[in-house]
Amino acid sequence: MGSFSIWHWLVILAIVLLLFGTKRLKNLGGDLGSAIKGFKNAVKDEEKKDADTAAGEGSKESLAHKEADSSRVIEGEAVRRQNANDQSGNKPS
């Protein structure tokens, strides 16, 4: 009862084809494919950039950046949020 049979999927496919038409679904598939290809290219470029940085290019710049970040202090006040599950009824201070 919980799983769909092949007939359920065929009926759903027929309804989708009637609603959207084959041309629109074909365009949607092409757009999805080009988006995936663009994502893969971006990931590949980022990995190449990371490998170049790890190989020594820009290591002095990254070291100076890390030193600047380590000396930076962010001031603020820590607060505690009261959860809905908190049964104690204490208000945060």
PDB file of N, CA and C in Angstrom:
ATOM      1  N   MET A   1       0.817  -1.184   0.000  1.00  0.00           N
ATOM      2  CA  MET A   1       0.000   0.000   0.000  1.00  0.00           C
ATOM      3  C   MET A   1       0.867   1.257   0.000  1.00  0.00           C
ATOM      4  N   GLY A   2       2.044   1.205   0.635  1.00  0.00           N
ATOM      5  CA  GLY A   2       2.883   2.382   0.752  1.00  0.00           C
ATOM      6  C   GLY A   2       3.754   2.635  -0.462  1.00  0.00           C
ATOM      7  N   SER A   3       3.960   1.628  -1.307  1.00  0.00           N
ATOM      8  CA  SER A   3       4.854   1.826  -2.448  1.00  0.00           C
ATOM      9  C   SER A   3       4.039   2.011  -3.727  1.00  0.00           C
ATOM     10  N   PHE A   4       4.648   2.698  -4.673  1.00  0.00           N
ATOM     11  CA  PHE A   4       3.986   2.926  -5.950  1.00  0.00           C
ATOM     12  C   PHE A   4       4.359   1.823  -6.923  1.00  0.00           C
ATOM     13  N   SER A   5       3.385   1.386  -7.698  1.00  0.00           N
ATOM     14  CA  SER A   5       3.662   0.396  -8.735  1.00  0.00           C
ATOM     15  C   SER A   5       4.020   1.132 -10.021  1.00  0.00           C
ATOM     16  N   ILE A   6       4.359   0.382 -11.051  1.00  0.00           N
ATOM     17  CA  ILE A   6       4.718   0.974 -12.338  1.00  0.00           C
ATOM     18  C   ILE A   6       3.540   1.735 -12.935  1.00  0.00           C
ATOM     19  N   TRP A   7       2.335   1.292 -12.663  1.00  0.00           N
ATOM     20  CA  TRP A   7       1.147   1.949 -13.209  1.00  0.00           C
ATOM     21  C   TRP A   7       0.947   3.332 -12.598  1.00  0.00           C
ATOM     22  N   HIS A   8       1.254   3.459 -11.318  1.00  0.00           N
ATOM     23  CA  HIS A   8       1.157   4.777 -10.682  1.00  0.00           C
ATOM     24  C   HIS A   8       2.116   5.761 -11.353  1.00  0.00           C
ATOM     25  N   TRP A   9       3.344   5.305 -11.590  1.00  0.00           N
ATOM     26  CA  TRP A   9       4.349   6.176 -12.203  1.00  0.00           C
ATOM     27  C   TRP A   9       3.978   6.532 -13.641  1.00  0.00           C
ATOM     28  N   LEU A  10       3.393   5.602 -14.372  1.00  0.00           N
ATOM     29  CA  LEU A  10       2.972   5.889 -15.745  1.00  0.00           C
ATOM     30  C   LEU A  10       1.852   6.921 -15.783  1.00  0.00           C
ATOM     31  N   VAL A  11       0.918   6.835 -14.859  1.00  0.00           N
ATOM     32  CA  VAL A  11      -0.168   7.814 -14.788  1.00  0.00           C
ATOM     33  C   VAL A  11       0.393   9.192 -14.447  1.00  0.00           C
ATOM     34  N   ILE A  12       1.317   9.255 -13.506  1.00  0.00           N
ATOM     35  CA  ILE A  12       1.935  10.533 -13.133  1.00  0.00           C
ATOM     36  C   ILE A  12       2.697  11.112 -14.323  1.00  0.00           C
ATOM     37  N   LEU A  13       3.433  10.280 -15.057  1.00  0.00           N
ATOM     38  CA  LEU A  13       4.161  10.728 -16.237  1.00  0.00           C
ATOM     39  C   LEU A  13       3.209  11.278 -17.296  1.00  0.00           C
ATOM     40  N   ALA A  14       2.093  10.599 -17.516  1.00  0.00           N
ATOM     41  CA  ALA A  14       1.115  11.066 -18.499  1.00  0.00           C
ATOM     42  C   ALA A  14       0.536  12.417 -18.095  1.00  0.00           C
ATOM     43  N   ILE A  15       0.248  12.605 -16.820  1.00  0.00           N
ATOM     44  CA  ILE A  15      -0.292  13.882 -16.343  1.00  0.00           C
ATOM     45  C   ILE A  15       0.734  14.998 -16.528  1.00  0.00           C
ATOM     46  N   VAL A  16       1.985  14.718 -16.203  1.00  0.00           N
ATOM     47  CA  VAL A  16       3.042  15.728 -16.362  1.00  0.00           C
ATOM     48  C   VAL A  16       3.206  16.092 -17.834  1.00  0.00           C
ATOM     49  N   LEU A  17       3.178  15.099 -18.725  1.00  0.00           N
ATOM     50  CA  LEU A  17       3.292  15.379 -20.155  1.00  0.00           C
ATOM     51  C   LEU A  17       2.120  16.204 -20.659  1.00  0.00           C
ATOM     52  N   LEU A  18       0.933  15.935 -20.169  1.00  0.00           N
ATOM     53  CA  LEU A  18      -0.228  16.717 -20.578  1.00  0.00           C
ATOM     54  C   LEU A  18      -0.150  18.152 -20.067  1.00  0.00           C
ATOM     55  N   LEU A  19       0.335  18.335 -18.864  1.00  0.00           N
ATOM     56  CA  LEU A  19       0.398  19.676 -18.290  1.00  0.00           C
ATOM     57  C   LEU A  19       1.486  20.531 -18.930  1.00  0.00           C
ATOM     58  N   PHE A  20       2.664  19.987 -19.097  1.00  0.00           N
ATOM     59  CA  PHE A  20       3.802  20.789 -19.530  1.00  0.00           C
ATOM     60  C   PHE A  20       4.141  20.627 -21.011  1.00  0.00           C
ATOM     61  N   GLY A  21       3.837  19.497 -21.595  1.00  0.00           N
ATOM     62  CA  GLY A  21       4.191  19.266 -22.986  1.00  0.00           C
ATOM     63  C   GLY A  21       5.636  18.827 -23.119  1.00  0.00           C
ATOM     64  N   THR A  22       5.935  18.153 -24.219  1.00  0.00           N
ATOM     65  CA  THR A  22       7.272  17.592 -24.394  1.00  0.00           C
ATOM     66  C   THR A  22       8.316  18.665 -24.670  1.00  0.00           C
ATOM     67  N   LYS A  23       7.943  19.731 -25.380  1.00  0.00           N
ATOM     68  CA  LYS A  23       8.919  20.774 -25.711  1.00  0.00           C
ATOM     69  C   LYS A  23       9.424  21.478 -24.459  1.00  0.00           C
ATOM     70  N   ARG A  24       8.511  21.799 -23.562  1.00  0.00           N
ATOM     71  CA  ARG A  24       8.908  22.494 -22.336  1.00  0.00           C
ATOM     72  C   ARG A  24       9.759  21.590 -21.445  1.00  0.00           C
ATOM     73  N   LEU A  25       9.413  20.310 -21.365  1.00  0.00           N
ATOM     74  CA  LEU A  25      10.211  19.374 -20.575  1.00  0.00           C
ATOM     75  C   LEU A  25      11.596  19.187 -21.184  1.00  0.00           C
ATOM     76  N   LYS A  26      11.684  19.204 -22.525  1.00  0.00           N
ATOM     77  CA  LYS A  26      12.976  19.077 -23.191  1.00  0.00           C
ATOM     78  C   LYS A  26      13.853  20.291 -22.870  1.00  0.00           C
ATOM     79  N   ASN A  27      13.267  21.479 -22.910  1.00  0.00           N
ATOM     80  CA  ASN A  27      14.018  22.697 -22.569  1.00  0.00           C
ATOM     81  C   ASN A  27      14.454  22.677 -21.110  1.00  0.00           C
ATOM     82  N   LEU A  28      13.591  22.196 -20.254  1.00  0.00           N
ATOM     83  CA  LEU A  28      13.916  22.121 -18.832  1.00  0.00           C
ATOM     84  C   LEU A  28      15.084  21.164 -18.600  1.00  0.00           C
ATOM     85  N   GLY A  29      15.085  20.045 -19.302  1.00  0.00           N
ATOM     86  CA  GLY A  29      16.189  19.093 -19.184  1.00  0.00           C
ATOM     87  C   GLY A  29      17.500  19.676 -19.678  1.00  0.00           C
ATOM     88  N   GLY A  30      17.448  20.411 -20.784  1.00  0.00           N
ATOM     89  CA  GLY A  30      18.657  21.048 -21.306  1.00  0.00           C
ATOM     90  C   GLY A  30      19.196  22.104 -20.355  1.00  0.00           C
ATOM     91  N   ASP A  31      18.298  22.893 -19.762  1.00  0.00           N
ATOM     92  CA  ASP A  31      18.720  23.912 -18.797  1.00  0.00           C
ATOM     93  C   ASP A  31      19.345  23.273 -17.563  1.00  0.00           C
ATOM     94  N   LEU A  32      18.747  22.198 -17.107  1.00  0.00           N
ATOM     95  CA  LEU A  32      19.281  21.506 -15.937  1.00  0.00           C
ATOM     96  C   LEU A  32      20.662  20.922 -16.238  1.00  0.00           C
ATOM     97  N   GLY A  33      20.821  20.353 -17.419  1.00  0.00           N
ATOM     98  CA  GLY A  33      22.117  19.795 -17.805  1.00  0.00           C
ATOM     99  C   GLY A  33      23.202  20.856 -17.892  1.00  0.00           C
ATOM    100  N   SER A  34      22.883  22.007 -18.462  1.00  0.00           N
ATOM    101  CA  SER A  34      23.895  23.068 -18.558  1.00  0.00           C
ATOM    102  C   SER A  34      24.213  23.651 -17.189  1.00  0.00           C
ATOM    103  N   ALA A  35      23.246  23.688 -16.290  1.00  0.00           N
ATOM    104  CA  ALA A  35      23.507  24.170 -14.932  1.00  0.00           C
ATOM    105  C   ALA A  35      24.445  23.216 -14.195  1.00  0.00           C
ATOM    106  N   ILE A  36      24.241  21.926 -14.361  1.00  0.00           N
ATOM    107  CA  ILE A  36      25.115  20.934 -13.719  1.00  0.00           C
ATOM    108  C   ILE A  36      26.525  21.027 -14.293  1.00  0.00           C
ATOM    109  N   LYS A  37      26.624  21.203 -15.612  1.00  0.00           N
ATOM    110  CA  LYS A  37      27.939  21.334 -16.247  1.00  0.00           C
ATOM    111  C   LYS A  37      28.664  22.577 -15.730  1.00  0.00           C
ATOM    112  N   GLY A  38      27.955  23.686 -15.590  1.00  0.00           N
ATOM    113  CA  GLY A  38      28.556  24.904 -15.051  1.00  0.00           C
ATOM    114  C   GLY A  38      29.025  24.727 -13.622  1.00  0.00           C
ATOM    115  N   PHE A  39      28.240  24.018 -12.826  1.00  0.00           N
ATOM    116  CA  PHE A  39      28.623  23.757 -11.436  1.00  0.00           C
ATOM    117  C   PHE A  39      29.889  22.911 -11.376  1.00  0.00           C
ATOM    118  N   LYS A  40      29.967  21.877 -12.200  1.00  0.00           N
ATOM    119  CA  LYS A  40      31.157  21.020 -12.219  1.00  0.00           C
ATOM    120  C   LYS A  40      32.393  21.808 -12.633  1.00  0.00           C
ATOM    121  N   ASN A  41      32.246  22.684 -13.632  1.00  0.00           N
ATOM    122  CA  ASN A  41      33.385  23.499 -14.063  1.00  0.00           C
ATOM    123  C   ASN A  41      33.840  24.437 -12.955  1.00  0.00           C
ATOM    124  N   ALA A  42      32.904  25.015 -12.225  1.00  0.00           N
ATOM    125  CA  ALA A  42      33.261  25.912 -11.128  1.00  0.00           C
ATOM    126  C   ALA A  42      33.990  25.163 -10.019  1.00  0.00           C
ATOM    127  N   VAL A  43      33.542  23.959  -9.709  1.00  0.00           N
ATOM    128  CA  VAL A  43      34.200  23.152  -8.680  1.00  0.00           C
ATOM    129  C   VAL A  43      35.607  22.781  -9.134  1.00  0.00           C
ATOM    130  N   LYS A  44      35.752  22.407 -10.399  1.00  0.00           N
ATOM    131  CA  LYS A  44      37.061  22.036 -10.927  1.00  0.00           C
ATOM    132  C   LYS A  44      38.019  23.230 -10.884  1.00  0.00           C
ATOM    133  N   ASP A  45      37.538  24.414 -11.262  1.00  0.00           N
ATOM    134  CA  ASP A  45      38.378  25.614 -11.218  1.00  0.00           C
ATOM    135  C   ASP A  45      38.793  25.944  -9.795  1.00  0.00           C
ATOM    136  N   GLU A  46      37.873  25.792  -8.853  1.00  0.00           N
ATOM    137  CA  GLU A  46      38.180  26.081  -7.447  1.00  0.00           C
ATOM    138  C   GLU A  46      39.212  25.096  -6.901  1.00  0.00           C
ATOM    139  N   GLU A  47      39.103  23.825  -7.262  1.00  0.00           N
ATOM    140  CA  GLU A  47      40.083  22.829  -6.819  1.00  0.00           C
ATOM    141  C   GLU A  47      41.459  23.129  -7.408  1.00  0.00           C
ATOM    142  N   LYS A  48      41.502  23.562  -8.656  1.00  0.00           N
ATOM    143  CA  LYS A  48      42.780  23.907  -9.282  1.00  0.00           C
ATOM    144  C   LYS A  48      43.388  25.121  -8.588  1.00  0.00           C
ATOM    145  N   LYS A  49      42.557  26.091  -8.255  1.00  0.00           N
ATOM    146  CA  LYS A  49      43.030  27.288  -7.562  1.00  0.00           C
ATOM    147  C   LYS A  49      43.566  26.933  -6.179  1.00  0.00           C
ATOM    148  N   ASP A  50      42.883  26.049  -5.475  1.00  0.00           N
ATOM    149  CA  ASP A  50      43.347  25.604  -4.159  1.00  0.00           C
ATOM    150  C   ASP A  50      44.667  24.850  -4.266  1.00  0.00           C
ATOM    151  N   ALA A  51      44.818  24.025  -5.296  1.00  0.00           N
ATOM    152  CA  ALA A  51      46.055  23.272  -5.485  1.00  0.00           C
ATOM    153  C   ALA A  51      47.218  24.218  -5.787  1.00  0.00           C
ATOM    154  N   ASP A  52      46.972  25.257  -6.575  1.00  0.00           N
ATOM    155  CA  ASP A  52      48.021  26.235  -6.872  1.00  0.00           C
ATOM    156  C   ASP A  52      48.431  26.985  -5.616  1.00  0.00           C
ATOM    157  N   THR A  53      47.477  27.329  -4.791  1.00  0.00           N
ATOM    158  CA  THR A  53      47.771  28.041  -3.550  1.00  0.00           C
ATOM    159  C   THR A  53      48.556  27.145  -2.600  1.00  0.00           C
ATOM    160  N   ALA A  54      48.204  25.882  -2.531  1.00  0.00           N
ATOM    161  CA  ALA A  54      48.901  24.949  -1.649  1.00  0.00           C
ATOM    162  C   ALA A  54      50.319  24.676  -2.146  1.00  0.00           C
ATOM    163  N   ALA A  55      50.554  24.820  -3.441  1.00  0.00           N
ATOM    164  CA  ALA A  55      51.871  24.554  -4.013  1.00  0.00           C
ATOM    165  C   ALA A  55      52.871  25.660  -3.709  1.00  0.00           C
ATOM    166  N   GLY A  56      52.425  26.774  -3.158  1.00  0.00           N
ATOM    167  CA  GLY A  56      53.363  27.821  -2.781  1.00  0.00           C
ATOM    168  C   GLY A  56      53.053  29.174  -3.362  1.00  0.00           C
ATOM    169  N   GLU A  57      52.209  29.255  -4.354  1.00  0.00           N
ATOM    170  CA  GLU A  57      51.863  30.545  -4.913  1.00  0.00           C
ATOM    171  C   GLU A  57      50.971  31.285  -3.933  1.00  0.00           C
ATOM    172  N   GLY A  58      51.379  32.457  -3.549  1.00  0.00           N
ATOM    173  CA  GLY A  58      50.572  33.261  -2.649  1.00  0.00           C
ATOM    174  C   GLY A  58      50.686  32.846  -1.200  1.00  0.00           C
ATOM    175  N   SER A  59      51.699  32.043  -0.839  1.00  0.00           N
ATOM    176  CA  SER A  59      51.798  31.580   0.541  1.00  0.00           C
ATOM    177  C   SER A  59      52.158  32.717   1.481  1.00  0.00           C
ATOM    178  N   LYS A  60      52.988  33.676   1.011  1.00  0.00           N
ATOM    179  CA  LYS A  60      53.334  34.815   1.856  1.00  0.00           C
ATOM    180  C   LYS A  60      52.117  35.686   2.111  1.00  0.00           C
ATOM    181  N   GLU A  61      51.287  35.857   1.080  1.00  0.00           N
ATOM    182  CA  GLU A  61      50.086  36.671   1.233  1.00  0.00           C
ATOM    183  C   GLU A  61      49.110  36.014   2.198  1.00  0.00           C
ATOM    184  N   SER A  62      48.956  34.713   2.103  1.00  0.00           N
ATOM    185  CA  SER A  62      48.017  34.032   2.984  1.00  0.00           C
ATOM    186  C   SER A  62      48.524  34.029   4.419  1.00  0.00           C
ATOM    187  N   LEU A  63      49.851  33.961   4.617  1.00  0.00           N
ATOM    188  CA  LEU A  63      50.418  34.013   5.958  1.00  0.00           C
ATOM    189  C   LEU A  63      50.163  35.374   6.591  1.00  0.00           C
ATOM    190  N   ALA A  64      50.341  36.441   5.824  1.00  0.00           N
ATOM    191  CA  ALA A  64      50.075  37.783   6.345  1.00  0.00           C
ATOM    192  C   ALA A  64      48.599  37.938   6.670  1.00  0.00           C
ATOM    193  N   HIS A  65      47.741  37.354   5.863  1.00  0.00           N
ATOM    194  CA  HIS A  65      46.297  37.422   6.106  1.00  0.00           C
ATOM    195  C   HIS A  65      45.931  36.683   7.390  1.00  0.00           C
ATOM    196  N   LYS A  66      46.547  35.526   7.623  1.00  0.00           N
ATOM    197  CA  LYS A  66      46.268  34.761   8.841  1.00  0.00           C
ATOM    198  C   LYS A  66      46.737  35.510  10.077  1.00  0.00           C
ATOM    199  N   GLU A  67      47.903  36.161   9.986  1.00  0.00           N
ATOM    200  CA  GLU A  67      48.404  36.920  11.128  1.00  0.00           C
ATOM    201  C   GLU A  67      47.494  38.094  11.440  1.00  0.00           C
ATOM    202  N   ALA A  68      46.978  38.750  10.418  1.00  0.00           N
ATOM    203  CA  ALA A  68      46.079  39.881  10.633  1.00  0.00           C
ATOM    204  C   ALA A  68      44.781  39.407  11.277  1.00  0.00           C
ATOM    205  N   ASP A  69      44.281  38.244  10.884  1.00  0.00           N
ATOM    206  CA  ASP A  69      43.047  37.722  11.464  1.00  0.00           C
ATOM    207  C   ASP A  69      43.236  37.285  12.908  1.00  0.00           C
ATOM    208  N   SER A  70      44.414  36.766  13.254  1.00  0.00           N
ATOM    209  CA  SER A  70      44.624  36.265  14.607  1.00  0.00           C
ATOM    210  C   SER A  70      44.728  37.396  15.619  1.00  0.00           C
ATOM    211  N   SER A  71      45.116  38.597  15.182  1.00  0.00           N
ATOM    212  CA  SER A  71      45.241  39.714  16.120  1.00  0.00           C
ATOM    213  C   SER A  71      43.949  40.504  16.246  1.00  0.00           C
ATOM    214  N   ARG A  72      42.940  40.171  15.500  1.00  0.00           N
ATOM    215  CA  ARG A  72      41.680  40.901  15.519  1.00  0.00           C
ATOM    216  C   ARG A  72      40.812  40.405  16.669  1.00  0.00           C
ATOM    217  N   VAL A  73      40.214  41.352  17.400  1.00  0.00           N
ATOM    218  CA  VAL A  73      39.339  41.017  18.517  1.00  0.00           C
ATOM    219  C   VAL A  73      37.945  41.523  18.188  1.00  0.00           C
ATOM    220  N   ILE A  74      36.965  40.662  18.364  1.00  0.00           N
ATOM    221  CA  ILE A  74      35.581  41.047  18.139  1.00  0.00           C
ATOM    222  C   ILE A  74      34.909  41.154  19.494  1.00  0.00           C
ATOM    223  N   GLU A  75      34.431  42.353  19.797  1.00  0.00           N
ATOM    224  CA  GLU A  75      33.784  42.561  21.086  1.00  0.00           C
ATOM    225  C   GLU A  75      32.296  42.283  20.952  1.00  0.00           C
ATOM    226  N   GLY A  76      31.722  41.741  22.010  1.00  0.00           N
ATOM    227  CA  GLY A  76      30.304  41.465  22.012  1.00  0.00           C
ATOM    228  C   GLY A  76      29.876  40.941  23.360  1.00  0.00           C
ATOM    229  N   GLU A  77      28.603  40.652  23.481  1.00  0.00           N
ATOM    230  CA  GLU A  77      28.058  40.143  24.727  1.00  0.00           C
ATOM    231  C   GLU A  77      27.379  38.813  24.438  1.00  0.00           C
ATOM    232  N   ALA A  78      27.722  37.813  25.210  1.00  0.00           N
ATOM    233  CA  ALA A  78      27.122  36.495  25.031  1.00  0.00           C
ATOM    234  C   ALA A  78      25.779  36.464  25.739  1.00  0.00           C
ATOM    235  N   VAL A  79      24.775  35.954  25.057  1.00  0.00           N
ATOM    236  CA  VAL A  79      23.444  35.826  25.645  1.00  0.00           C
ATOM    237  C   VAL A  79      22.969  34.404  25.450  1.00  0.00           C
ATOM    238  N   ARG A  80      22.047  34.007  26.272  1.00  0.00           N
ATOM    239  CA  ARG A  80      21.500  32.657  26.188  1.00  0.00           C
ATOM    240  C   ARG A  80      20.055  32.772  25.721  1.00  0.00           C
ATOM    241  N   ARG A  81      19.725  32.013  24.709  1.00  0.00           N
ATOM    242  CA  ARG A  81      18.356  32.008  24.210  1.00  0.00           C
ATOM    243  C   ARG A  81      17.542  30.986  24.983  1.00  0.00           C
ATOM    244  N   GLN A  82      16.289  31.329  25.223  1.00  0.00           N
ATOM    245  CA  GLN A  82      15.410  30.407  25.930  1.00  0.00           C
ATOM    246  C   GLN A  82      14.694  29.552  24.896  1.00  0.00           C
ATOM    247  N   ASN A  83      14.856  28.253  25.004  1.00  0.00           N
ATOM    248  CA  ASN A  83      14.206  27.325  24.093  1.00  0.00           C
ATOM    249  C   ASN A  83      12.770  27.103  24.510  1.00  0.00           C
ATOM    250  N   ALA A  84      11.947  26.717  23.545  1.00  0.00           N
ATOM    251  CA  ALA A  84      10.561  26.392  23.845  1.00  0.00           C
ATOM    252  C   ALA A  84      10.482  25.135  24.703  1.00  0.00           C
ATOM    253  N   ASN A  85      11.510  24.289  24.632  1.00  0.00           N
ATOM    254  CA  ASN A  85      11.529  23.045  25.391  1.00  0.00           C
ATOM    255  C   ASN A  85      12.027  23.242  26.811  1.00  0.00           C
ATOM    256  N   ASP A  86      12.494  24.439  27.153  1.00  0.00           N
ATOM    257  CA  ASP A  86      13.027  24.715  28.484  1.00  0.00           C
ATOM    258  C   ASP A  86      11.875  24.720  29.488  1.00  0.00           C
ATOM    259  N   GLN A  87      11.840  23.753  30.369  1.00  0.00           N
ATOM    260  CA  GLN A  87      10.753  23.591  31.327  1.00  0.00           C
ATOM    261  C   GLN A  87      11.014  24.302  32.644  1.00  0.00           C
ATOM    262  N   SER A  88      12.239  24.817  32.848  1.00  0.00           N
ATOM    263  CA  SER A  88      12.567  25.397  34.147  1.00  0.00           C
ATOM    264  C   SER A  88      11.877  26.728  34.368  1.00  0.00           C
ATOM    265  N   GLY A  89      11.546  27.433  33.302  1.00  0.00           N
ATOM    266  CA  GLY A  89      10.868  28.706  33.448  1.00  0.00           C
ATOM    267  C   GLY A  89      11.803  29.841  33.802  1.00  0.00           C
ATOM    268  N   ASN A  90      13.105  29.571  33.892  1.00  0.00           N
ATOM    269  CA  ASN A  90      14.068  30.621  34.206  1.00  0.00           C
ATOM    270  C   ASN A  90      14.297  31.486  32.980  1.00  0.00           C
ATOM    271  N   LYS A  91      14.359  32.787  33.210  1.00  0.00           N
ATOM    272  CA  LYS A  91      14.646  33.699  32.122  1.00  0.00           C
ATOM    273  C   LYS A  91      16.153  33.803  31.968  1.00  0.00           C
ATOM    274  N   PRO A  92      16.620  33.970  30.739  1.00  0.00           N
ATOM    275  CA  PRO A  92      18.067  34.117  30.552  1.00  0.00           C
ATOM    276  C   PRO A  92      18.551  35.435  31.133  1.00  0.00           C
ATOM    277  N   SER A  93      19.779  35.417  31.647  1.00  0.00           N
ATOM    278  CA  SER A  93      20.302  36.640  32.245  1.00  0.00           C
ATOM    279  C   SER A  93      21.135  37.418  31.269  1.00  0.00           C
TER     280      SER A  93
END
